[in-house]
Amino acid sequence: MPKSRDYKLDFTRLKVDRGMDYYQRPLEWARLILEGFSPQSMQGKSHAPSLLFPMETVFESYVAKLLHQQVTSDYKVKEQIQSQTLVRHKEQNWFRLKPDLLIVKDRKIEVVLDTKWKVLD
């Protein structure tokens, strides 16, 4: 396929026939991006769906990656480990705790971390 010289003209010539409906959304995203918009958040008449990400999960992964790079080799960073419960009642563990990050040395928990994603005003 040759490289497009005029994507706007190419989009006007584009025909999405029956059986090719699954191309419609990717084409709408491509048009948005080529026109300099972001499919993440915008206003207007476009029918392309937004790309939304759970920012708390993205931020937690980012912090974990940085910690992995910075701790020395005798420490381990563990993510989302369910190892403890808040209450033990009638031989049952209740309220499972799942901290975002743990720093462990020699199988002993040294640090418990909870990440927070906040937009500051």
N, C-alpha and C. Protein backbone atom coordinates (compact mmCIF):
# COMPACT_ATOMS: atom_id res chain seq x y z
N MET A 1 0.85 -1.17 0.00
CA MET A 1 0.00 0.00 0.00
C MET A 1 0.90 1.23 0.00
N PRO A 2 0.69 2.18 -0.90
CA PRO A 2 1.53 3.38 -0.94
C PRO A 2 1.23 4.31 0.24
N LYS A 3 2.21 5.09 0.61
CA LYS A 3 2.07 6.07 1.68
C LYS A 3 1.08 7.15 1.25
N SER A 4 0.24 7.57 2.17
CA SER A 4 -0.75 8.59 1.86
C SER A 4 -0.08 9.96 1.71
N ARG A 5 -0.48 10.69 0.70
CA ARG A 5 0.02 12.06 0.50
C ARG A 5 -1.01 13.08 0.98
N ASP A 6 -2.28 12.67 1.05
CA ASP A 6 -3.35 13.56 1.50
C ASP A 6 -4.39 12.71 2.23
N TYR A 7 -4.19 12.55 3.55
CA TYR A 7 -5.05 11.63 4.30
C TYR A 7 -6.51 12.09 4.31
N LYS A 8 -6.77 13.40 4.26
CA LYS A 8 -8.16 13.87 4.25
C LYS A 8 -8.86 13.42 2.98
N LEU A 9 -8.19 13.53 1.86
CA LEU A 9 -8.75 13.06 0.60
C LEU A 9 -8.93 11.54 0.63
N ASP A 10 -7.95 10.85 1.19
CA ASP A 10 -8.05 9.39 1.29
C ASP A 10 -9.26 8.97 2.12
N PHE A 11 -9.53 9.69 3.20
CA PHE A 11 -10.70 9.35 4.03
C PHE A 11 -12.00 9.59 3.27
N THR A 12 -12.06 10.62 2.40
CA THR A 12 -13.29 10.86 1.63
C THR A 12 -13.52 9.75 0.61
N ARG A 13 -12.48 9.12 0.13
CA ARG A 13 -12.58 8.05 -0.87
C ARG A 13 -12.84 6.68 -0.23
N LEU A 14 -12.70 6.62 1.07
CA LEU A 14 -12.80 5.34 1.78
C LEU A 14 -14.24 4.86 1.83
N LYS A 15 -14.46 3.62 1.46
CA LYS A 15 -15.79 2.99 1.52
C LYS A 15 -15.70 1.77 2.44
N VAL A 16 -16.46 1.81 3.53
CA VAL A 16 -16.52 0.66 4.44
C VAL A 16 -17.80 -0.08 4.11
N ASP A 17 -17.64 -1.22 3.42
CA ASP A 17 -18.78 -2.01 2.98
C ASP A 17 -19.30 -2.91 4.09
N ARG A 18 -20.47 -3.54 3.79
CA ARG A 18 -21.00 -4.52 4.72
C ARG A 18 -19.95 -5.60 4.98
N GLY A 19 -19.91 -6.09 6.18
CA GLY A 19 -18.92 -7.11 6.53
C GLY A 19 -17.58 -6.52 6.93
N MET A 20 -17.45 -5.21 6.82
CA MET A 20 -16.19 -4.55 7.20
C MET A 20 -16.43 -3.51 8.31
N ASP A 21 -17.58 -3.63 8.98
CA ASP A 21 -17.93 -2.67 10.04
C ASP A 21 -16.89 -2.61 11.15
N TYR A 22 -16.18 -3.70 11.38
CA TYR A 22 -15.20 -3.75 12.45
C TYR A 22 -14.04 -2.79 12.20
N TYR A 23 -13.91 -2.26 11.00
CA TYR A 23 -12.87 -1.26 10.71
C TYR A 23 -13.29 0.15 11.10
N GLN A 24 -14.58 0.37 11.35
CA GLN A 24 -15.09 1.72 11.56
C GLN A 24 -14.42 2.42 12.75
N ARG A 25 -14.37 1.80 13.91
CA ARG A 25 -13.78 2.46 15.09
C ARG A 25 -12.28 2.73 14.93
N PRO A 26 -11.48 1.76 14.46
CA PRO A 26 -10.06 2.08 14.25
C PRO A 26 -9.86 3.21 13.25
N LEU A 27 -10.71 3.28 12.23
CA LEU A 27 -10.60 4.38 11.26
C LEU A 27 -10.94 5.73 11.91
N GLU A 28 -11.94 5.74 12.79
CA GLU A 28 -12.30 6.97 13.49
C GLU A 28 -11.15 7.42 14.40
N TRP A 29 -10.52 6.48 15.10
CA TRP A 29 -9.35 6.82 15.92
C TRP A 29 -8.22 7.36 15.06
N ALA A 30 -7.95 6.69 13.94
CA ALA A 30 -6.87 7.14 13.04
C ALA A 30 -7.14 8.56 12.56
N ARG A 31 -8.38 8.86 12.19
CA ARG A 31 -8.72 10.22 11.73
C ARG A 31 -8.48 11.24 12.84
N LEU A 32 -8.92 10.92 14.07
CA LEU A 32 -8.70 11.83 15.20
C LEU A 32 -7.21 12.11 15.40
N ILE A 33 -6.43 11.07 15.40
CA ILE A 33 -4.99 11.21 15.66
C ILE A 33 -4.33 12.00 14.53
N LEU A 34 -4.68 11.71 13.29
CA LEU A 34 -4.10 12.43 12.15
C LEU A 34 -4.48 13.90 12.16
N GLU A 35 -5.63 14.23 12.72
CA GLU A 35 -6.07 15.63 12.79
C GLU A 35 -5.54 16.32 14.05
N GLY A 36 -4.70 15.61 14.83
CA GLY A 36 -4.04 16.23 15.97
C GLY A 36 -4.83 16.20 17.26
N PHE A 37 -5.89 15.41 17.30
CA PHE A 37 -6.66 15.28 18.53
C PHE A 37 -6.23 14.02 19.27
N SER A 38 -6.65 13.94 20.53
CA SER A 38 -6.34 12.77 21.33
C SER A 38 -7.61 11.97 21.54
N PRO A 39 -7.57 10.65 21.31
CA PRO A 39 -8.76 9.85 21.59
C PRO A 39 -8.99 9.63 23.08
N GLN A 40 -8.14 10.22 23.93
CA GLN A 40 -8.30 10.02 25.37
C GLN A 40 -9.37 10.93 25.95
N SER A 41 -9.38 12.19 25.55
CA SER A 41 -10.38 13.10 26.08
C SER A 41 -10.55 14.26 25.12
N MET A 42 -11.76 14.48 24.71
CA MET A 42 -12.02 15.58 23.79
C MET A 42 -13.51 15.85 23.74
N GLN A 43 -13.85 16.99 23.15
CA GLN A 43 -15.24 17.33 22.92
C GLN A 43 -15.43 17.46 21.42
N GLY A 44 -16.66 17.35 20.99
CA GLY A 44 -16.92 17.53 19.58
C GLY A 44 -17.86 16.47 19.06
N LYS A 45 -17.91 16.37 17.71
CA LYS A 45 -18.87 15.48 17.06
C LYS A 45 -18.28 14.15 16.64
N SER A 46 -17.09 13.84 17.07
CA SER A 46 -16.48 12.56 16.69
C SER A 46 -17.21 11.42 17.37
N HIS A 47 -17.25 10.28 16.67
CA HIS A 47 -17.91 9.10 17.22
C HIS A 47 -16.91 8.07 17.71
N ALA A 48 -15.63 8.40 17.71
CA ALA A 48 -14.61 7.47 18.20
C ALA A 48 -14.69 7.39 19.72
N PRO A 49 -14.70 6.19 20.28
CA PRO A 49 -14.75 6.06 21.74
C PRO A 49 -13.43 6.54 22.37
N SER A 50 -13.54 7.03 23.59
CA SER A 50 -12.35 7.47 24.30
C SER A 50 -11.55 6.29 24.79
N LEU A 51 -10.26 6.52 24.96
CA LEU A 51 -9.39 5.51 25.57
C LEU A 51 -9.20 5.93 27.02
N LEU A 52 -9.75 5.16 27.94
CA LEU A 52 -9.68 5.50 29.35
C LEU A 52 -8.87 4.45 30.09
N PHE A 53 -8.03 4.89 31.01
CA PHE A 53 -7.21 3.99 31.79
C PHE A 53 -7.44 4.27 33.27
N PRO A 54 -7.45 3.23 34.12
CA PRO A 54 -7.57 3.47 35.56
C PRO A 54 -6.25 4.04 36.07
N MET A 55 -6.21 5.34 36.30
CA MET A 55 -4.96 6.01 36.63
C MET A 55 -4.34 5.51 37.92
N GLU A 56 -5.13 5.04 38.87
CA GLU A 56 -4.55 4.51 40.10
C GLU A 56 -3.71 3.28 39.81
N THR A 57 -4.13 2.44 38.86
CA THR A 57 -3.37 1.25 38.49
C THR A 57 -2.12 1.62 37.71
N VAL A 58 -2.25 2.58 36.80
CA VAL A 58 -1.09 3.05 36.03
C VAL A 58 -0.04 3.63 36.97
N PHE A 59 -0.48 4.45 37.93
CA PHE A 59 0.44 5.08 38.88
C PHE A 59 1.09 4.03 39.76
N GLU A 60 0.33 3.06 40.24
CA GLU A 60 0.87 2.00 41.09
C GLU A 60 1.96 1.21 40.33
N SER A 61 1.71 0.90 39.08
CA SER A 61 2.70 0.19 38.27
C SER A 61 3.96 1.02 38.07
N TYR A 62 3.77 2.32 37.88
CA TYR A 62 4.91 3.24 37.71
C TYR A 62 5.78 3.26 38.97
N VAL A 63 5.14 3.40 40.13
CA VAL A 63 5.87 3.43 41.40
C VAL A 63 6.59 2.10 41.61
N ALA A 64 5.92 0.99 41.33
CA ALA A 64 6.55 -0.34 41.49
C ALA A 64 7.77 -0.47 40.58
N LYS A 65 7.67 0.00 39.36
CA LYS A 65 8.81 -0.08 38.44
C LYS A 65 9.99 0.72 38.96
N LEU A 66 9.73 1.93 39.46
CA LEU A 66 10.81 2.74 40.03
C LEU A 66 11.44 2.07 41.24
N LEU A 67 10.61 1.49 42.10
CA LEU A 67 11.15 0.80 43.28
C LEU A 67 11.99 -0.41 42.89
N HIS A 68 11.55 -1.18 41.91
CA HIS A 68 12.32 -2.33 41.42
C HIS A 68 13.72 -1.88 40.98
N GLN A 69 13.80 -0.72 40.37
CA GLN A 69 15.08 -0.21 39.87
C GLN A 69 15.97 0.30 41.00
N GLN A 70 15.37 0.71 42.13
CA GLN A 70 16.15 1.39 43.16
C GLN A 70 16.51 0.55 44.38
N VAL A 71 15.78 -0.53 44.64
CA VAL A 71 16.13 -1.32 45.81
C VAL A 71 17.34 -2.19 45.50
N THR A 72 18.12 -2.45 46.53
CA THR A 72 19.30 -3.30 46.34
C THR A 72 18.88 -4.75 46.16
N SER A 73 19.80 -5.57 45.71
CA SER A 73 19.46 -6.95 45.33
C SER A 73 19.01 -7.82 46.50
N ASP A 74 19.31 -7.44 47.74
CA ASP A 74 18.87 -8.26 48.86
C ASP A 74 17.42 -7.95 49.27
N TYR A 75 16.81 -6.94 48.66
CA TYR A 75 15.40 -6.62 48.89
C TYR A 75 14.59 -6.99 47.66
N LYS A 76 13.33 -7.33 47.87
CA LYS A 76 12.42 -7.64 46.77
C LYS A 76 11.18 -6.76 46.89
N VAL A 77 10.71 -6.26 45.77
CA VAL A 77 9.46 -5.49 45.73
C VAL A 77 8.37 -6.43 45.25
N LYS A 78 7.31 -6.53 46.03
CA LYS A 78 6.18 -7.38 45.67
C LYS A 78 4.94 -6.52 45.55
N GLU A 79 4.12 -6.85 44.55
CA GLU A 79 2.92 -6.05 44.27
C GLU A 79 1.65 -6.83 44.57
N GLN A 80 0.69 -6.16 45.20
CA GLN A 80 -0.65 -6.71 45.45
C GLN A 80 -0.62 -8.11 46.07
N ILE A 81 0.12 -8.26 47.16
CA ILE A 81 0.23 -9.55 47.85
C ILE A 81 -0.83 -9.63 48.95
N GLN A 82 -1.65 -10.67 48.90
CA GLN A 82 -2.65 -10.89 49.94
C GLN A 82 -2.08 -11.88 50.95
N SER A 83 -1.49 -11.36 52.01
CA SER A 83 -0.83 -12.27 52.95
C SER A 83 -1.42 -12.22 54.36
N GLN A 84 -2.14 -11.18 54.68
CA GLN A 84 -2.66 -11.03 56.04
C GLN A 84 -4.16 -10.73 56.00
N THR A 85 -4.78 -10.93 57.14
CA THR A 85 -6.18 -10.52 57.29
C THR A 85 -6.30 -9.63 58.52
N LEU A 86 -7.33 -8.84 58.54
CA LEU A 86 -7.52 -7.91 59.65
C LEU A 86 -8.05 -8.63 60.89
N VAL A 87 -8.89 -9.65 60.70
CA VAL A 87 -9.55 -10.33 61.82
C VAL A 87 -9.55 -11.84 61.58
N ARG A 88 -9.35 -12.59 62.67
CA ARG A 88 -9.56 -14.04 62.63
C ARG A 88 -10.71 -14.32 63.59
N HIS A 89 -11.80 -14.91 63.07
CA HIS A 89 -13.01 -15.14 63.86
C HIS A 89 -13.54 -16.53 63.56
N LYS A 90 -13.73 -17.34 64.61
CA LYS A 90 -14.23 -18.71 64.48
C LYS A 90 -13.47 -19.48 63.41
N GLU A 91 -12.16 -19.48 63.53
CA GLU A 91 -11.29 -20.23 62.62
C GLU A 91 -11.35 -19.74 61.16
N GLN A 92 -11.86 -18.54 60.97
CA GLN A 92 -11.93 -17.96 59.62
C GLN A 92 -11.19 -16.64 59.58
N ASN A 93 -10.51 -16.40 58.47
CA ASN A 93 -9.84 -15.12 58.25
C ASN A 93 -10.80 -14.18 57.54
N TRP A 94 -11.01 -13.02 58.14
CA TRP A 94 -11.91 -12.02 57.57
C TRP A 94 -11.13 -10.78 57.17
N PHE A 95 -11.64 -10.08 56.20
CA PHE A 95 -11.09 -8.79 55.75
C PHE A 95 -9.63 -8.93 55.31
N ARG A 96 -9.47 -9.59 54.21
CA ARG A 96 -8.14 -9.82 53.63
C ARG A 96 -7.49 -8.48 53.27
N LEU A 97 -6.26 -8.30 53.70
CA LEU A 97 -5.51 -7.09 53.41
C LEU A 97 -4.68 -7.30 52.14
N LYS A 98 -4.70 -6.31 51.29
CA LYS A 98 -3.97 -6.40 50.03
C LYS A 98 -3.25 -5.07 49.79
N PRO A 99 -2.10 -4.88 50.44
CA PRO A 99 -1.37 -3.62 50.22
C PRO A 99 -0.86 -3.53 48.79
N ASP A 100 -0.69 -2.30 48.31
CA ASP A 100 -0.24 -2.10 46.94
C ASP A 100 1.16 -2.66 46.72
N LEU A 101 2.07 -2.35 47.64
CA LEU A 101 3.47 -2.76 47.48
C LEU A 101 4.05 -3.20 48.81
N LEU A 102 4.90 -4.21 48.76
CA LEU A 102 5.66 -4.65 49.92
C LEU A 102 7.14 -4.65 49.54
N ILE A 103 7.98 -4.28 50.48
CA ILE A 103 9.42 -4.47 50.31
C ILE A 103 9.83 -5.54 51.31
N VAL A 104 10.39 -6.62 50.80
CA VAL A 104 10.69 -7.81 51.60
C VAL A 104 12.19 -8.09 51.57
N LYS A 105 12.71 -8.51 52.73
CA LYS A 105 14.11 -8.94 52.82
C LYS A 105 14.15 -10.23 53.62
N ASP A 106 14.75 -11.24 53.05
CA ASP A 106 14.85 -12.55 53.70
C ASP A 106 13.47 -13.05 54.17
N ARG A 107 12.48 -12.94 53.30
CA ARG A 107 11.11 -13.38 53.56
C ARG A 107 10.42 -12.63 54.69
N LYS A 108 10.98 -11.54 55.13
CA LYS A 108 10.38 -10.72 56.18
C LYS A 108 9.94 -9.40 55.57
N ILE A 109 8.70 -9.01 55.85
CA ILE A 109 8.18 -7.75 55.33
C ILE A 109 8.87 -6.60 56.06
N GLU A 110 9.54 -5.76 55.30
CA GLU A 110 10.25 -4.61 55.87
C GLU A 110 9.42 -3.33 55.76
N VAL A 111 8.74 -3.16 54.62
CA VAL A 111 7.98 -1.93 54.37
C VAL A 111 6.67 -2.29 53.67
N VAL A 112 5.58 -1.65 54.11
CA VAL A 112 4.28 -1.78 53.46
C VAL A 112 3.95 -0.42 52.87
N LEU A 113 3.62 -0.41 51.57
CA LEU A 113 3.35 0.86 50.88
C LEU A 113 1.96 0.85 50.24
N ASP A 114 1.32 1.98 50.32
CA ASP A 114 0.03 2.17 49.66
C ASP A 114 0.17 3.37 48.75
N THR A 115 -0.03 3.18 47.46
CA THR A 115 0.10 4.29 46.52
C THR A 115 -1.24 4.99 46.37
N LYS A 116 -1.18 6.28 46.13
CA LYS A 116 -2.40 7.06 45.91
C LYS A 116 -2.20 7.92 44.67
N TRP A 117 -3.20 7.90 43.80
CA TRP A 117 -3.21 8.78 42.63
C TRP A 117 -4.18 9.89 42.93
N LYS A 118 -3.67 11.11 42.98
CA LYS A 118 -4.52 12.26 43.26
C LYS A 118 -4.18 13.36 42.27
N VAL A 119 -5.20 14.06 41.83
CA VAL A 119 -4.98 15.25 41.02
C VAL A 119 -4.97 16.44 41.97
N LEU A 120 -3.82 17.14 42.02
CA LEU A 120 -3.69 18.27 42.93
C LEU A 120 -4.15 19.54 42.25
N ASP A 121 -4.89 20.35 42.97
CA ASP A 121 -5.39 21.62 42.44
C ASP A 121 -4.42 22.72 42.82
